[in-house]
Amino acid sequence: MPKSSANRRSLDLDPVNWPTRYLLKLASQKVLGLVPGLYRVQEAYKRRRDNWRGLVDPDFVLREARARVADFAAAGIAPPRTVVEQGTGWHGADLVLFALAGARRLTTYDATPWLRAELLGELLRLAPRIAPIVREWPGVDGAGLDRRADELAALADRPLHEQLAGLRCTRIVTRSARRAELATGSVDLVYSNSVLQRVTPDDLAALTSEWARALRRDGRTFHIVDTKDFHSINDPRVPELGYLRWSPRLWRFATSRYLNYQNRLRSPEFARLFEAAGLEASITERLVTPENIAYAREHYASDPRFRKMTVEELATTQTKLCATVPNSSKSRGARGEPASLVATAGKSSVREPS
């Protein structure tokens, strides 16, 4: 959200400036992240306060479904039969989308078992409303789409293991970057949404190598990567690029790998990781705001860490990245410059409990 003038005035009047408060928050998260299973205590507290209510906004779900279908169509991605998703999350919205599109096998990975039956159930109930959107995906099998939507909706109140079975989905909870259970050359699409920025660079390098191995010759990867500071979403005092101010050494010391971690990589660095794994990577779209371009120029233009990047690359707060197996039929063609959307992203209505 854009920072309002009222919010900026409140920042000026705040006796504790945002960097100090920010570092204290990082320190508390690092302590919490070292306690095994603490997220279960947090979840129980949120349930008691009824913080689950309103986590799934149907209008937002439908907008996101339209956006994903448009993304896949623009990238030339046909409805996949086998999908690997990195980052299951709380609600599994994209699992429903792929199942409606006719995926025969879904494998979803998460480092922590966030997925909840009641939240996935809300998405399953929306399947009949998502189906007409999926029908617009070029190549989708429309003949059985309505039947699939009704079958998924019928799973809404079932236990989680039955919901996943109905989606033809295997869920794997692991912090390992190894994917030995994926057969070489067996995957049509590797997908993630707002996940790669949460993975350490070393683990991300291992993951991209595993995905390159598992992809079919005409397989694709498609990733939406959020490259803004997550704390800025709920705190208007925190600039979206403010987290770049600290040195890599201080960032490693202050942050937790297990709770709200961000690697702070910028869009071209993600692309280079895929290319290092032997894939051809292209950035299809970037989201950047005039506010962030001005902030990057003011604070980071002379920073040697970013001297090989353009201001626009540095100021990007969301990246859509596609990667293909070299010399595959789908990787040939013009790669051109990515579209850059000069806009400001709104808050997500399908969110993590807070």
Protein backbone atom coordinates (compact mmCIF):
# COMPACT_ATOMS: atom_id res chain seq x y z
CA MET A 1 0.00 0.00 0.00
CA PRO A 2 1.27 3.53 -0.62
CA LYS A 3 2.52 5.29 2.46
CA SER A 4 0.00 8.02 3.27
CA SER A 5 0.98 11.50 4.38
CA ALA A 6 -0.66 10.77 7.74
CA ASN A 7 1.53 7.71 8.15
CA ARG A 8 4.62 9.68 7.24
CA ARG A 9 3.77 12.34 9.84
CA SER A 10 3.33 9.61 12.45
CA LEU A 11 6.79 8.31 11.55
CA ASP A 12 8.30 11.76 12.05
CA LEU A 13 6.69 12.01 15.49
CA ASP A 14 7.58 8.50 16.61
CA PRO A 15 10.13 8.68 19.47
CA VAL A 16 11.59 5.31 18.45
CA ASN A 17 12.73 5.37 14.83
CA TRP A 18 11.82 2.44 12.61
CA PRO A 19 15.32 0.89 12.27
CA THR A 20 15.66 0.46 16.02
CA ARG A 21 12.19 -1.02 16.40
CA TYR A 22 12.78 -3.18 13.34
CA LEU A 23 15.98 -4.73 14.70
CA LEU A 24 14.26 -5.46 18.02
CA LYS A 25 11.50 -7.26 16.14
CA LEU A 26 14.03 -9.31 14.17
CA ALA A 27 15.77 -10.28 17.40
CA SER A 28 12.51 -11.45 19.00
CA GLN A 29 11.66 -13.48 15.90
CA LYS A 30 15.06 -15.12 15.96
CA VAL A 31 14.50 -16.23 19.56
CA LEU A 32 11.02 -17.52 18.74
CA GLY A 33 12.32 -19.31 15.65
CA LEU A 34 14.77 -21.32 17.77
CA VAL A 35 11.97 -22.90 19.85
CA PRO A 36 10.74 -26.11 18.16
CA GLY A 37 7.02 -26.23 17.55
CA LEU A 38 6.35 -22.72 18.83
CA TYR A 39 4.21 -22.03 15.78
CA ARG A 40 1.68 -24.50 17.25
CA VAL A 41 1.37 -22.35 20.36
CA GLN A 42 0.95 -19.28 18.17
CA GLU A 43 -1.73 -21.04 16.15
CA ALA A 44 -3.69 -22.09 19.26
CA TYR A 45 -3.63 -18.50 20.46
CA LYS A 46 -4.86 -17.23 17.09
CA ARG A 47 -7.68 -19.76 17.06
CA ARG A 48 -8.81 -18.66 20.51
CA ARG A 49 -8.88 -15.06 19.30
CA ASP A 50 -10.79 -16.17 16.18
CA ASN A 51 -8.03 -14.89 13.90
CA TRP A 52 -8.97 -17.52 11.31
CA ARG A 53 -12.11 -15.61 10.40
CA GLY A 54 -11.94 -13.81 7.08
CA LEU A 55 -8.68 -15.40 5.92
CA VAL A 56 -10.24 -16.37 2.59
CA ASP A 57 -11.85 -13.56 0.63
CA PRO A 58 -13.76 -15.14 -2.31
CA ASP A 59 -13.45 -12.05 -4.50
CA PHE A 60 -9.69 -11.99 -4.00
CA VAL A 61 -9.43 -15.73 -4.70
CA LEU A 62 -11.24 -15.27 -8.01
CA ARG A 63 -9.05 -12.29 -8.96
CA GLU A 64 -5.92 -14.30 -8.19
CA ALA A 65 -7.22 -17.26 -10.23
CA ARG A 66 -7.74 -14.95 -13.21
CA ALA A 67 -4.27 -13.51 -12.74
CA ARG A 68 -2.63 -16.96 -12.64
CA VAL A 69 -4.47 -18.20 -15.71
CA ALA A 70 -3.41 -15.02 -17.53
CA ASP A 71 0.19 -15.49 -16.34
CA PHE A 72 0.34 -19.08 -17.55
CA ALA A 73 -1.29 -18.26 -20.89
CA ALA A 74 1.10 -15.33 -21.47
CA ALA A 75 4.09 -17.56 -20.67
CA GLY A 76 2.87 -20.27 -23.06
CA ILE A 77 2.36 -22.79 -20.25
CA ALA A 78 -0.22 -25.43 -21.12
CA PRO A 79 -2.33 -27.02 -18.36
CA PRO A 80 0.19 -29.38 -16.73
CA ARG A 81 -0.34 -33.05 -15.89
CA THR A 82 2.37 -33.19 -13.22
CA VAL A 83 3.03 -30.21 -10.96
CA VAL A 84 5.56 -29.58 -8.21
CA GLU A 85 4.68 -26.69 -5.93
CA GLN A 86 7.19 -25.19 -3.52
CA GLY A 87 5.46 -23.64 -0.50
CA THR A 88 2.04 -25.10 0.29
CA GLY A 89 1.04 -22.35 2.69
CA TRP A 90 -2.08 -22.19 4.86
CA HIS A 91 -4.86 -22.67 2.31
CA GLY A 92 -3.64 -24.43 -0.86
CA ALA A 93 -5.36 -22.11 -3.34
CA ASP A 94 -3.11 -23.05 -6.26
CA LEU A 95 -3.63 -26.76 -5.65
CA VAL A 96 -7.33 -26.25 -6.39
CA LEU A 97 -6.51 -24.30 -9.55
CA PHE A 98 -4.20 -27.03 -10.91
CA ALA A 99 -6.63 -29.82 -9.99
CA LEU A 100 -9.42 -28.06 -11.85
CA ALA A 101 -7.11 -27.67 -14.86
CA GLY A 102 -6.73 -31.47 -14.97
CA ALA A 103 -3.44 -32.13 -13.16
CA ARG A 104 -3.02 -35.88 -12.61
CA ARG A 105 -0.32 -35.61 -9.98
CA LEU A 106 0.45 -32.75 -7.60
CA THR A 107 3.38 -32.73 -5.20
CA THR A 108 3.56 -29.84 -2.77
CA TYR A 109 6.46 -29.07 -0.44
CA ASP A 110 6.56 -26.93 2.68
CA ALA A 111 9.16 -26.42 5.38
CA THR A 112 6.44 -26.20 8.06
CA PRO A 113 3.03 -27.95 8.04
CA TRP A 114 0.92 -24.80 7.77
CA LEU A 115 -1.88 -26.25 5.60
CA ARG A 116 -5.22 -26.45 7.42
CA ALA A 117 -8.31 -28.42 6.38
CA GLU A 118 -10.76 -25.63 7.24
CA LEU A 119 -8.89 -23.13 5.07
CA LEU A 120 -8.41 -25.54 2.17
CA GLY A 121 -12.11 -26.38 2.54
CA GLU A 122 -13.02 -22.75 1.90
CA LEU A 123 -11.06 -22.88 -1.35
CA LEU A 124 -12.66 -26.19 -2.35
CA ARG A 125 -16.13 -24.68 -1.87
CA LEU A 126 -15.17 -22.04 -4.40
CA ALA A 127 -14.21 -24.62 -7.06
CA PRO A 128 -17.47 -24.21 -9.07
CA ARG A 129 -16.81 -20.43 -9.21
CA ILE A 130 -13.16 -20.90 -10.17
CA ALA A 131 -14.01 -23.40 -12.94
CA PRO A 132 -15.22 -20.80 -15.52
CA ILE A 133 -11.92 -18.95 -15.05
CA VAL A 134 -9.90 -22.13 -15.58
CA ARG A 135 -11.91 -22.79 -18.74
CA GLU A 136 -10.15 -19.76 -20.27
CA TRP A 137 -6.73 -21.42 -19.89
CA PRO A 138 -5.73 -22.41 -23.46
CA GLY A 139 -5.54 -26.20 -23.76
CA VAL A 140 -7.62 -27.04 -20.69
CA ASP A 141 -9.98 -30.02 -20.95
CA GLY A 142 -13.32 -28.30 -20.59
CA ALA A 143 -15.44 -31.41 -21.04
CA GLY A 144 -15.02 -32.67 -17.48
CA LEU A 145 -14.37 -29.33 -15.80
CA ASP A 146 -17.77 -28.90 -14.15
CA ARG A 147 -17.70 -32.46 -12.85
CA ARG A 148 -14.22 -31.90 -11.38
CA ALA A 149 -15.42 -28.70 -9.72
CA ASP A 150 -18.38 -30.48 -8.09
CA GLU A 151 -16.14 -33.33 -6.90
CA LEU A 152 -13.72 -30.87 -5.32
CA ALA A 153 -16.49 -28.86 -3.67
CA ALA A 154 -17.80 -32.06 -2.09
CA LEU A 155 -14.47 -32.44 -0.26
CA ALA A 156 -14.79 -29.11 1.58
CA ASP A 157 -15.75 -30.60 4.96
CA ARG A 158 -13.61 -33.72 4.75
CA PRO A 159 -10.41 -34.34 6.76
CA LEU A 160 -7.22 -32.95 5.28
CA HIS A 161 -5.88 -36.31 4.07
CA GLU A 162 -9.10 -36.91 2.12
CA GLN A 163 -8.99 -33.42 0.63
CA LEU A 164 -5.43 -34.00 -0.56
CA ALA A 165 -6.32 -37.43 -1.97
CA GLY A 166 -9.21 -35.87 -3.91
CA LEU A 167 -6.81 -33.29 -5.31
CA ARG A 168 -4.41 -36.11 -6.30
CA CYS A 169 -1.87 -34.32 -4.17
CA THR A 170 1.07 -35.56 -2.10
CA ARG A 171 2.19 -33.15 0.61
CA ILE A 172 5.79 -33.37 1.81
CA VAL A 173 6.94 -31.37 4.83
CA THR A 174 10.73 -31.05 4.79
CA ARG A 175 13.47 -28.48 5.25
CA SER A 176 15.73 -30.43 2.92
CA ALA A 177 16.43 -29.09 -0.57
CA ARG A 178 16.75 -32.64 -1.92
CA ARG A 179 13.98 -33.94 -4.14
CA ALA A 180 15.06 -37.56 -4.63
CA GLU A 181 11.42 -38.70 -4.77
CA LEU A 182 10.97 -36.79 -8.04
CA ALA A 183 11.93 -38.97 -10.98
CA THR A 184 14.27 -37.41 -13.54
CA GLY A 185 12.36 -35.89 -16.45
CA SER A 186 8.94 -36.43 -14.86
CA VAL A 187 7.59 -32.94 -14.11
CA ASP A 188 5.66 -30.61 -16.42
CA LEU A 189 5.62 -27.54 -14.17
CA VAL A 190 7.48 -26.34 -11.08
CA TYR A 191 5.61 -23.48 -9.44
CA SER A 192 5.84 -21.19 -6.44
CA ASN A 193 4.08 -18.04 -5.29
CA SER A 194 5.82 -15.74 -2.81
CA VAL A 195 8.20 -18.45 -1.62
CA LEU A 196 11.65 -18.16 -3.19
CA GLN A 197 12.49 -15.02 -1.23
CA ARG A 198 12.09 -17.13 1.95
CA VAL A 199 14.75 -19.67 0.94
CA THR A 200 18.45 -19.27 1.76
CA PRO A 201 20.65 -18.75 -1.32
CA ASP A 202 22.44 -22.09 -0.74
CA ASP A 203 19.16 -24.02 -0.48
CA LEU A 204 17.78 -22.16 -3.48
CA ALA A 205 20.78 -23.18 -5.56
CA ALA A 206 20.19 -26.82 -4.55
CA LEU A 207 16.47 -26.58 -5.30
CA THR A 208 16.95 -25.12 -8.77
CA SER A 209 19.37 -27.97 -9.60
CA GLU A 210 16.81 -30.54 -8.42
CA TRP A 211 14.06 -28.89 -10.44
CA ALA A 212 16.25 -28.82 -13.55
CA ARG A 213 16.82 -32.57 -13.13
CA ALA A 214 13.13 -33.35 -12.58
CA LEU A 215 11.73 -31.28 -15.48
CA ARG A 216 10.61 -32.91 -18.68
CA ARG A 217 12.29 -31.74 -21.86
CA ASP A 218 9.41 -29.32 -22.49
CA GLY A 219 8.84 -28.61 -18.80
CA ARG A 220 8.65 -25.14 -17.33
CA THR A 221 9.09 -23.40 -14.03
CA PHE A 222 7.06 -20.34 -13.09
CA HIS A 223 7.64 -18.33 -9.94
CA ILE A 224 6.19 -15.19 -8.43
CA VAL A 225 8.81 -13.72 -6.11
CA ASP A 226 8.09 -10.93 -3.64
CA THR A 227 11.19 -8.79 -3.23
CA LYS A 228 9.94 -6.25 -0.72
CA ASP A 229 10.32 -6.27 3.04
CA PHE A 230 7.39 -8.24 4.49
CA HIS A 231 7.33 -6.04 7.58
CA SER A 232 6.39 -3.08 5.40
CA ILE A 233 3.01 -4.67 4.60
CA ASN A 234 1.59 -4.10 8.08
CA ASP A 235 3.84 -1.29 9.31
CA PRO A 236 3.73 1.93 7.25
CA ARG A 237 6.88 3.18 8.96
CA VAL A 238 8.98 0.50 7.27
CA PRO A 239 10.06 1.31 3.67
CA GLU A 240 9.54 -1.55 1.22
CA LEU A 241 13.26 -1.47 0.41
CA GLY A 242 14.40 -0.56 3.91
CA TYR A 243 15.71 -4.03 4.71
CA LEU A 244 18.51 -3.57 2.17
CA ARG A 245 20.23 -1.00 4.37
CA TRP A 246 21.93 -3.56 6.63
CA SER A 247 25.12 -5.38 5.71
CA PRO A 248 24.93 -9.09 4.80
CA ARG A 249 26.80 -9.94 7.99
CA LEU A 250 24.37 -8.08 10.24
CA TRP A 251 21.39 -9.52 8.37
CA ARG A 252 22.63 -13.09 8.88
CA PHE A 253 23.21 -12.40 12.55
CA ALA A 254 19.87 -10.68 13.22
CA THR A 255 17.44 -12.85 11.24
CA SER A 256 15.99 -16.29 11.83
CA ARG A 257 16.11 -18.98 9.14
CA TYR A 258 12.90 -20.47 10.53
CA LEU A 259 10.57 -17.52 11.14
CA ASN A 260 9.82 -14.85 8.54
CA TYR A 261 13.20 -15.25 6.85
CA GLN A 262 13.96 -13.23 3.70
CA ASN A 263 17.09 -13.64 1.59
CA ARG A 264 16.95 -10.06 0.12
CA LEU A 265 17.98 -11.26 -3.35
CA ARG A 266 16.95 -8.98 -6.21
CA SER A 267 15.28 -10.09 -9.44
CA PRO A 268 18.41 -10.60 -11.62
CA GLU A 269 20.02 -12.67 -8.85
CA PHE A 270 17.10 -15.11 -8.88
CA ALA A 271 17.42 -15.44 -12.65
CA ARG A 272 21.16 -16.17 -12.35
CA LEU A 273 20.49 -18.99 -9.87
CA PHE A 274 18.25 -20.73 -12.40
CA GLU A 275 20.81 -20.24 -15.14
CA ALA A 276 23.54 -21.67 -12.90
CA ALA A 277 21.36 -24.80 -12.61
CA GLY A 278 21.39 -25.16 -16.40
CA LEU A 279 18.01 -23.61 -17.16
CA GLU A 280 17.17 -20.69 -19.41
CA ALA A 281 15.59 -18.01 -17.23
CA SER A 282 13.59 -14.97 -18.24
CA ILE A 283 11.85 -12.35 -16.14
CA THR A 284 8.42 -11.89 -17.68
CA GLU A 285 7.18 -9.07 -15.46
CA ARG A 286 8.40 -6.73 -12.74
CA LEU A 287 6.40 -4.63 -10.31
CA VAL A 288 8.04 -1.34 -9.38
CA THR A 289 6.71 1.91 -7.96
CA PRO A 290 7.92 5.49 -8.47
CA GLU A 291 8.27 5.72 -4.69
CA ASN A 292 10.67 2.77 -4.58
CA ILE A 293 12.68 3.98 -7.57
CA ALA A 294 13.18 7.30 -5.77
CA TYR A 295 14.07 5.51 -2.52
CA ALA A 296 16.61 3.27 -4.27
CA ARG A 297 18.25 6.24 -5.97
CA GLU A 298 18.49 8.14 -2.70
CA HIS A 299 19.77 5.34 -0.47
CA TYR A 300 21.49 2.70 -2.63
CA ALA A 301 22.70 4.28 -5.87
CA SER A 302 26.31 4.35 -4.64
CA ASP A 303 26.18 1.09 -2.66
CA PRO A 304 28.80 -1.30 -4.12
CA ARG A 305 26.54 -4.29 -3.40
CA PHE A 306 24.18 -3.15 -6.15
CA ARG A 307 26.52 -1.58 -8.70
CA LYS A 308 25.73 -4.23 -11.35
CA MET A 309 21.98 -3.59 -11.18
CA THR A 310 19.81 -0.93 -12.70
CA VAL A 311 17.75 1.20 -10.33
CA GLU A 312 14.61 -0.49 -11.64
CA GLU A 313 15.99 -3.96 -10.89
CA LEU A 314 16.95 -2.87 -7.40
CA ALA A 315 13.58 -1.22 -6.73
CA THR A 316 11.49 -4.15 -7.98
CA THR A 317 9.09 -5.46 -5.35
CA GLN A 318 7.64 -8.40 -7.29
CA THR A 319 9.15 -10.53 -10.03
CA LYS A 320 7.55 -13.12 -12.29
CA LEU A 321 10.20 -15.53 -13.51
CA CYS A 322 9.96 -18.38 -16.01
CA ALA A 323 12.68 -20.96 -16.68
CA THR A 324 12.92 -23.71 -19.27
CA VAL A 325 15.15 -26.59 -20.25
CA PRO A 326 17.68 -25.28 -22.84
CA ASN A 327 16.85 -25.97 -26.48
CA SER A 328 13.35 -27.17 -25.64
CA SER A 329 10.68 -26.16 -28.13
CA LYS A 330 9.12 -23.86 -25.53
CA SER A 331 12.35 -22.04 -24.73
CA ARG A 332 12.99 -20.87 -28.27
CA GLY A 333 11.92 -17.45 -29.38
CA ALA A 334 12.27 -13.83 -28.42
CA ARG A 335 13.12 -13.23 -24.80
CA GLY A 336 13.06 -9.42 -24.96
CA GLU A 337 12.72 -7.09 -22.01
CA PRO A 338 10.23 -7.96 -19.27
CA ALA A 339 7.12 -5.88 -18.84
CA SER A 340 7.47 -3.50 -15.91
CA LEU A 341 4.32 -2.51 -14.12
CA VAL A 342 4.65 0.90 -12.50
CA ALA A 343 2.01 0.39 -9.85
CA THR A 344 1.56 -0.26 -6.16
CA ALA A 345 0.51 -3.70 -4.95
CA GLY A 346 -2.44 -3.91 -2.56
CA LYS A 347 -2.61 -6.05 0.54
CA SER A 348 -3.36 -9.72 0.06
CA SER A 349 -6.77 -10.92 1.23
CA VAL A 350 -5.65 -14.53 1.32
CA ARG A 351 -3.06 -14.12 4.01
CA GLU A 352 -1.19 -15.83 6.77
CA PRO A 353 -2.76 -15.49 10.22
CA SER A 354 -1.16 -12.69 12.19
